Amino acid sequence: MQRSTVHLVRHGEVHNPEGVLYGRLPEFHLSDLGRRMAAQMAGYFVQRRDEGANIVHLVASPLTRAQETAQPVADALALTISTDERIIEAENRFEGMSRIKSRLRQPRYWPLLVNPFLPSWGEPYNQQVERVMAGVHDARRRAVELAGPDAVDRPAEAILISHQLPIWVTRLAAEHRRLWHDPRQRECTLTSVTSLDFDGDVITRVRYAEPSADLLPGAANVPGA
């Protein structure tokens, strides 16, 4: 069987001075710090390539922040950005709101909180996993195809630029863990890399790295989706 790796990368910091839960809203761009994170993450993959990694395919969510995070990778590795709607941010009924914690204390929003296991305030976790995994497998197959005979000796690698919650629940599924969780416990920082190693179509290992760890202190990180 041919081996491959799909790297699920979260976007960089977004310029969001009002603290809006931006979800799928358009035109939320990377901040200056977010652009530095994206450049540093691109450097991480350049180093992997220079060490022999066979990185051949790049995909991004259609949202602005994901596309902007993908651009330095495309430039550094001479790859074209493909866009996949399936790795977009999760739907969230609090989208567009700010000061989310204070809103949760208002009774009119309580019906959205009745089932945290689904969750009742947004797109079900299992649906997120289903669509992202479909995108992952298509990217894996495309990477193997692009790598050609090289994929026999060096695993074909694809990079997918996505969003925190879809990446996190996909990782939970890959590790055969329950999907409902405390959002504060997600291990998926800005421009982090969650890598799924495959043998054929079977996940054999999950790895995690933080190329921008030194830039994280002080970064804005609106919780929610």
Protein backbone atom coordinates (compact mmCIF):
# COMPACT_ATOMS: atom_id res chain seq x y z
CA MET A 1 0.00 0.00 0.00
CA GLN A 2 1.12 3.56 -0.65
CA ARG A 3 1.85 5.73 2.34
CA SER A 4 0.75 9.34 2.58
CA THR A 5 0.33 12.18 5.06
CA VAL A 6 -2.32 14.89 5.26
CA HIS A 7 -1.43 17.93 7.38
CA LEU A 8 -4.43 19.79 8.81
CA VAL A 9 -3.28 23.36 9.50
CA ARG A 10 -5.25 25.97 11.39
CA HIS A 11 -5.17 29.52 9.99
CA GLY A 12 -3.21 32.36 11.62
CA GLU A 13 -4.46 35.12 13.93
CA VAL A 14 -7.31 37.20 12.50
CA HIS A 15 -7.67 40.98 12.76
CA ASN A 16 -10.74 41.10 14.98
CA PRO A 17 -10.59 44.02 17.44
CA GLU A 18 -14.28 43.67 18.36
CA GLY A 19 -13.89 40.01 19.37
CA VAL A 20 -16.59 38.83 16.96
CA LEU A 21 -17.24 35.14 16.58
CA TYR A 22 -16.65 35.39 12.84
CA GLY A 23 -17.47 31.81 11.85
CA ARG A 24 -18.11 31.74 8.11
CA LEU A 25 -18.41 35.51 7.69
CA PRO A 26 -16.39 36.89 4.75
CA GLU A 27 -13.59 39.45 4.80
CA PHE A 28 -12.00 38.63 8.14
CA HIS A 29 -8.34 39.00 7.21
CA LEU A 30 -5.18 37.91 8.99
CA SER A 31 -3.64 40.42 11.37
CA ASP A 32 0.01 41.44 11.02
CA LEU A 33 0.82 38.79 13.62
CA GLY A 34 -1.29 36.27 11.71
CA ARG A 35 0.76 36.92 8.59
CA ARG A 36 3.96 36.35 10.55
CA MET A 37 2.50 33.08 11.81
CA ALA A 38 1.61 32.01 8.27
CA ALA A 39 5.12 32.82 7.05
CA GLN A 40 6.66 30.90 9.94
CA MET A 41 4.40 27.92 9.29
CA ALA A 42 5.42 28.00 5.61
CA GLY A 43 9.03 27.87 6.78
CA TYR A 44 8.21 24.75 8.77
CA PHE A 45 7.09 23.00 5.59
CA VAL A 46 10.07 24.31 3.61
CA GLN A 47 12.31 22.67 6.19
CA ARG A 48 10.35 19.44 5.87
CA ARG A 49 10.74 19.56 2.10
CA ASP A 50 14.46 20.24 2.39
CA GLU A 51 14.73 17.20 4.67
CA GLY A 52 13.11 15.02 2.00
CA ALA A 53 9.36 15.39 2.53
CA ASN A 54 7.36 14.88 -0.67
CA ILE A 55 4.86 17.76 -0.33
CA VAL A 56 2.86 17.96 -3.54
CA HIS A 57 -0.67 19.25 -2.83
CA LEU A 58 -2.11 22.32 -1.08
CA VAL A 59 -5.78 22.89 -0.25
CA ALA A 60 -7.52 25.68 1.68
CA SER A 61 -10.95 26.48 3.02
CA PRO A 62 -12.65 29.19 0.95
CA LEU A 63 -12.67 31.65 3.86
CA THR A 64 -10.36 34.65 3.60
CA ARG A 65 -8.24 33.82 6.63
CA ALA A 66 -7.53 30.31 5.34
CA GLN A 67 -6.67 31.50 1.84
CA GLU A 68 -4.30 34.14 3.25
CA THR A 69 -2.65 31.54 5.49
CA ALA A 70 -2.17 29.24 2.50
CA GLN A 71 -0.52 31.85 0.27
CA PRO A 72 2.94 31.85 1.90
CA VAL A 73 2.97 28.05 1.65
CA ALA A 74 2.03 28.21 -2.01
CA ASP A 75 4.78 30.77 -2.66
CA ALA A 76 7.44 28.89 -0.70
CA LEU A 77 6.71 25.44 -2.15
CA ALA A 78 5.60 26.51 -5.64
CA LEU A 79 2.19 24.92 -5.18
CA THR A 80 -1.22 25.99 -6.47
CA ILE A 81 -3.93 26.53 -3.85
CA SER A 82 -6.97 24.33 -4.40
CA THR A 83 -10.15 25.35 -2.56
CA ASP A 84 -12.40 22.85 -0.81
CA GLU A 85 -15.73 23.87 0.78
CA ARG A 86 -15.69 20.71 2.88
CA ILE A 87 -12.94 21.99 5.18
CA ILE A 88 -14.71 25.28 5.95
CA GLU A 89 -15.42 26.51 9.50
CA ALA A 90 -18.28 24.91 11.44
CA GLU A 91 -21.71 26.52 11.37
CA ASN A 92 -22.48 28.33 14.62
CA ARG A 93 -25.68 30.12 15.66
CA PHE A 94 -23.65 32.69 17.61
CA GLU A 95 -21.87 33.74 14.41
CA GLY A 96 -21.49 37.50 14.11
CA MET A 97 -21.87 38.14 17.83
CA SER A 98 -19.27 39.52 20.23
CA ARG A 99 -18.99 39.14 24.01
CA ILE A 100 -20.22 35.55 23.75
CA LYS A 101 -19.71 34.73 27.45
CA SER A 102 -22.04 37.52 28.52
CA ARG A 103 -24.68 36.42 26.00
CA LEU A 104 -24.67 32.91 27.45
CA ARG A 105 -26.09 34.37 30.65
CA GLN A 106 -29.14 35.71 28.79
CA PRO A 107 -32.16 33.33 28.99
CA ARG A 108 -33.12 33.86 25.34
CA TYR A 109 -29.97 32.00 24.28
CA TRP A 110 -30.33 29.07 26.67
CA PRO A 111 -32.30 26.90 24.20
CA LEU A 112 -29.16 26.82 22.06
CA LEU A 113 -27.24 25.21 24.93
CA VAL A 114 -29.54 22.30 25.76
CA ASN A 115 -27.36 19.63 24.11
CA PRO A 116 -23.59 20.20 24.31
CA PHE A 117 -23.00 16.67 23.00
CA LEU A 118 -24.41 17.45 19.53
CA PRO A 119 -23.85 20.49 19.89
CA SER A 120 -27.22 22.25 19.80
CA TRP A 121 -25.70 25.67 18.98
CA GLY A 122 -24.15 24.64 15.69
CA GLU A 123 -23.20 22.02 13.15
CA PRO A 124 -23.16 18.51 14.65
CA TYR A 125 -19.66 17.22 15.37
CA ASN A 126 -20.20 14.02 13.39
CA GLN A 127 -21.18 16.00 10.29
CA GLN A 128 -18.01 18.05 10.58
CA VAL A 129 -15.93 14.89 10.79
CA GLU A 130 -17.71 13.36 7.81
CA ARG A 131 -17.11 16.31 5.49
CA VAL A 132 -13.54 16.99 6.60
CA MET A 133 -12.55 13.33 6.37
CA ALA A 134 -13.99 13.22 2.85
CA GLY A 135 -11.77 16.17 1.98
CA VAL A 136 -8.79 14.53 3.67
CA HIS A 137 -9.17 11.31 1.70
CA ASP A 138 -9.57 13.16 -1.59
CA ALA A 139 -6.46 15.21 -0.82
CA ARG A 140 -4.56 12.06 0.12
CA ARG A 141 -5.48 10.35 -3.12
CA ARG A 142 -4.62 13.45 -5.15
CA ALA A 143 -1.23 13.74 -3.44
CA VAL A 144 -0.41 10.11 -4.25
CA GLU A 145 -1.43 10.72 -7.85
CA LEU A 146 0.72 13.86 -8.11
CA ALA A 147 3.71 12.21 -6.46
CA GLY A 148 3.65 9.33 -8.96
CA PRO A 149 6.36 6.68 -8.53
CA ASP A 150 8.04 8.77 -5.81
CA ALA A 151 5.16 7.92 -3.46
CA VAL A 152 6.48 4.35 -3.20
CA ASP A 153 9.66 5.44 -1.39
CA ARG A 154 8.54 8.78 0.07
CA PRO A 155 5.02 9.28 1.42
CA ALA A 156 3.03 11.79 -0.63
CA GLU A 157 2.03 14.77 1.51
CA ALA A 158 -0.86 17.23 1.30
CA ILE A 159 -1.47 20.39 3.34
CA LEU A 160 -5.04 21.44 4.17
CA ILE A 161 -5.60 24.91 5.69
CA SER A 162 -8.73 24.77 7.80
CA HIS A 163 -10.20 25.90 11.15
CA GLN A 164 -9.90 24.91 14.77
CA LEU A 165 -13.11 23.00 15.51
CA PRO A 166 -13.28 20.95 12.28
CA ILE A 167 -9.61 20.02 12.71
CA TRP A 168 -10.02 19.13 16.37
CA VAL A 169 -13.07 16.88 15.99
CA THR A 170 -11.43 15.19 13.00
CA ARG A 171 -8.41 14.45 15.17
CA LEU A 172 -10.67 13.11 17.94
CA ALA A 173 -12.32 10.79 15.41
CA ALA A 174 -8.95 9.66 14.04
CA GLU A 175 -7.85 8.80 17.57
CA HIS A 176 -11.15 7.01 18.29
CA ARG A 177 -12.09 9.44 21.04
CA ARG A 178 -15.51 10.92 21.79
CA LEU A 179 -16.34 14.03 19.82
CA TRP A 180 -17.97 16.16 22.50
CA HIS A 181 -15.41 18.08 24.53
CA ASP A 182 -14.55 21.20 26.50
CA PRO A 183 -13.59 23.87 23.91
CA ARG A 184 -10.93 25.15 26.32
CA GLN A 185 -9.10 21.83 26.06
CA ARG A 186 -8.60 21.79 22.27
CA GLU A 187 -5.00 21.20 21.22
CA CYS A 188 -5.15 23.19 18.00
CA THR A 189 -3.40 26.55 18.30
CA LEU A 190 -3.06 29.15 15.55
CA THR A 191 -1.12 27.73 12.54
CA SER A 192 -0.70 24.43 14.36
CA VAL A 193 -0.19 21.30 12.27
CA THR A 194 -2.20 18.13 12.95
CA SER A 195 -0.74 15.39 10.74
CA LEU A 196 -2.58 12.22 9.76
CA ASP A 197 -0.29 9.44 8.50
CA PHE A 198 -1.88 6.86 6.19
CA ASP A 199 -1.03 3.42 4.96
CA GLY A 200 -3.41 3.07 2.05
CA ASP A 201 -6.67 4.51 3.37
CA VAL A 202 -5.99 3.59 7.02
CA ILE A 203 -4.75 6.18 9.54
CA THR A 204 -1.70 4.75 11.29
CA ARG A 205 -0.58 7.72 13.36
CA VAL A 206 -1.61 11.23 14.41
CA ARG A 207 1.07 13.86 15.07
CA TYR A 208 0.91 17.46 16.26
CA ALA A 209 3.28 20.44 15.93
CA GLU A 210 3.19 24.17 16.65
CA PRO A 211 5.46 26.02 14.20
CA SER A 212 4.37 29.39 15.65
CA ALA A 213 4.62 28.50 19.33
CA ASP A 214 6.85 31.50 20.03
CA LEU A 215 4.25 33.87 18.55
CA LEU A 216 1.26 32.55 20.49
CA PRO A 217 1.63 34.51 23.75
CA GLY A 218 -0.63 37.53 23.50
CA ALA A 219 -2.33 36.40 20.28
CA ALA A 220 -6.09 36.94 20.08
CA ASN A 221 -7.97 33.67 20.02
CA VAL A 222 -11.75 34.04 20.08
CA PRO A 223 -13.30 30.77 21.34
CA GLY A 224 -16.55 29.35 20.07
CA ALA A 225 -16.89 27.66 16.70
